[in-house]
Amino acid sequence: MNDAHHIAAVPEHDQQPQQRYGDEQPMSLELGQLVTEMSRPVPRAALSARAAAGLWALRVFAVLVSLMVVYAFIGQLR
C-alpha cells in the first residue's frame, strides 16, 4: 500500500487539531440558539480535596494581599 493512498483515507476530523470543535460550535448556531446555550448554567467541576484546598488557600491569600494593599494605601494618606 502506498503512503499517498493511506493518508487520503484518514478522515478529515483526525487530521485537524482538537480545538476544531470549539472553534466551529458557535458558528454553526443561530443567534437564538447561541443565546440559549450561553445562558444555560454550567455544573460545578468535580475537584479533588487537594485541589479544593488549594483554591481555598488561593482565596485566603488574595484577601490577605488585598487587605495589605488597602492598609498601605491608607498609611500613605497620612
Protein backbone atom coordinates (compact mmCIF):
# COMPACT_ATOMS: atom_id res chain seq x y z
CA MET A 1 0.00 0.00 0.00
CA ASN A 2 1.47 3.38 -0.93
CA ASP A 3 1.62 6.25 1.58
CA ALA A 4 -0.39 8.72 -0.52
CA HIS A 5 -3.40 6.40 -0.58
CA HIS A 6 -3.11 5.73 3.16
CA ILE A 7 -3.02 9.47 4.04
CA ALA A 8 -6.07 10.19 1.88
CA ALA A 9 -8.03 7.50 3.71
CA VAL A 10 -7.63 9.25 7.08
CA PRO A 11 -10.86 11.10 7.93
CA GLU A 12 -10.70 14.89 8.00
CA HIS A 13 -11.52 15.09 11.70
CA ASP A 14 -8.43 13.01 12.51
CA GLN A 15 -6.21 15.44 10.60
CA GLN A 16 -7.50 18.53 12.42
CA PRO A 17 -6.40 19.65 15.91
CA GLN A 18 -8.72 19.05 18.86
CA GLN A 19 -9.73 22.73 19.02
CA ARG A 20 -11.76 22.31 15.81
CA TYR A 21 -14.98 21.54 17.69
CA GLY A 22 -14.65 24.58 19.94
CA ASP A 23 -13.94 26.89 17.00
CA GLU A 24 -16.88 25.77 14.88
CA GLN A 25 -19.55 25.30 17.54
CA PRO A 26 -20.68 28.94 17.87
CA MET A 27 -20.55 29.48 14.11
CA SER A 28 -23.00 26.66 13.42
CA LEU A 29 -25.71 28.02 15.75
CA GLU A 30 -28.27 30.68 15.00
CA LEU A 31 -28.31 33.72 17.30
CA GLY A 32 -31.27 32.47 19.36
CA GLN A 33 -29.69 29.05 19.80
CA LEU A 34 -26.38 30.61 20.81
CA VAL A 35 -28.05 32.82 23.43
CA THR A 36 -29.93 29.82 24.81
CA GLU A 37 -26.77 27.71 25.03
CA MET A 38 -24.72 30.51 26.59
CA SER A 39 -27.38 31.23 29.25
CA ARG A 40 -27.55 27.62 30.44
CA PRO A 41 -25.62 27.22 33.72
CA VAL A 42 -22.57 25.00 33.73
CA PRO A 43 -22.39 22.39 36.53
CA ARG A 44 -19.61 22.62 39.10
CA ALA A 45 -16.45 20.75 38.30
CA ALA A 46 -15.68 17.72 40.43
CA LEU A 47 -12.45 18.61 42.26
CA SER A 48 -10.28 16.51 44.46
CA ALA A 49 -9.90 17.52 48.11
CA ARG A 50 -6.36 18.69 47.39
CA ALA A 51 -7.50 20.96 44.54
CA ALA A 52 -10.36 22.39 46.61
CA ALA A 53 -7.96 23.12 49.49
CA GLY A 54 -5.57 24.80 47.07
CA LEU A 55 -8.34 27.03 45.72
CA TRP A 56 -9.40 28.00 49.25
CA ALA A 57 -5.78 28.82 50.10
CA LEU A 58 -5.63 30.99 47.00
CA ARG A 59 -8.80 32.82 48.06
CA VAL A 60 -7.42 33.47 51.54
CA PHE A 61 -4.13 34.68 50.03
CA ALA A 62 -5.97 37.08 47.70
CA VAL A 63 -7.96 38.54 50.61
CA LEU A 64 -4.83 38.98 52.74
CA VAL A 65 -2.93 40.67 49.93
CA SER A 66 -5.92 42.94 49.24
CA LEU A 67 -6.02 43.95 52.91
CA MET A 68 -2.30 44.69 52.83
CA VAL A 69 -2.73 46.93 49.77
CA VAL A 70 -5.60 48.82 51.41
CA TYR A 71 -3.56 49.24 54.63
CA ALA A 72 -0.56 50.55 52.68
CA PHE A 73 -2.78 52.95 50.71
CA ILE A 74 -4.40 54.31 53.86
CA GLY A 75 -0.98 54.60 55.52
CA GLN A 76 0.27 56.76 52.65
CA LEU A 77 -2.68 59.15 53.01
CA ARG A 78 -1.48 60.32 56.43
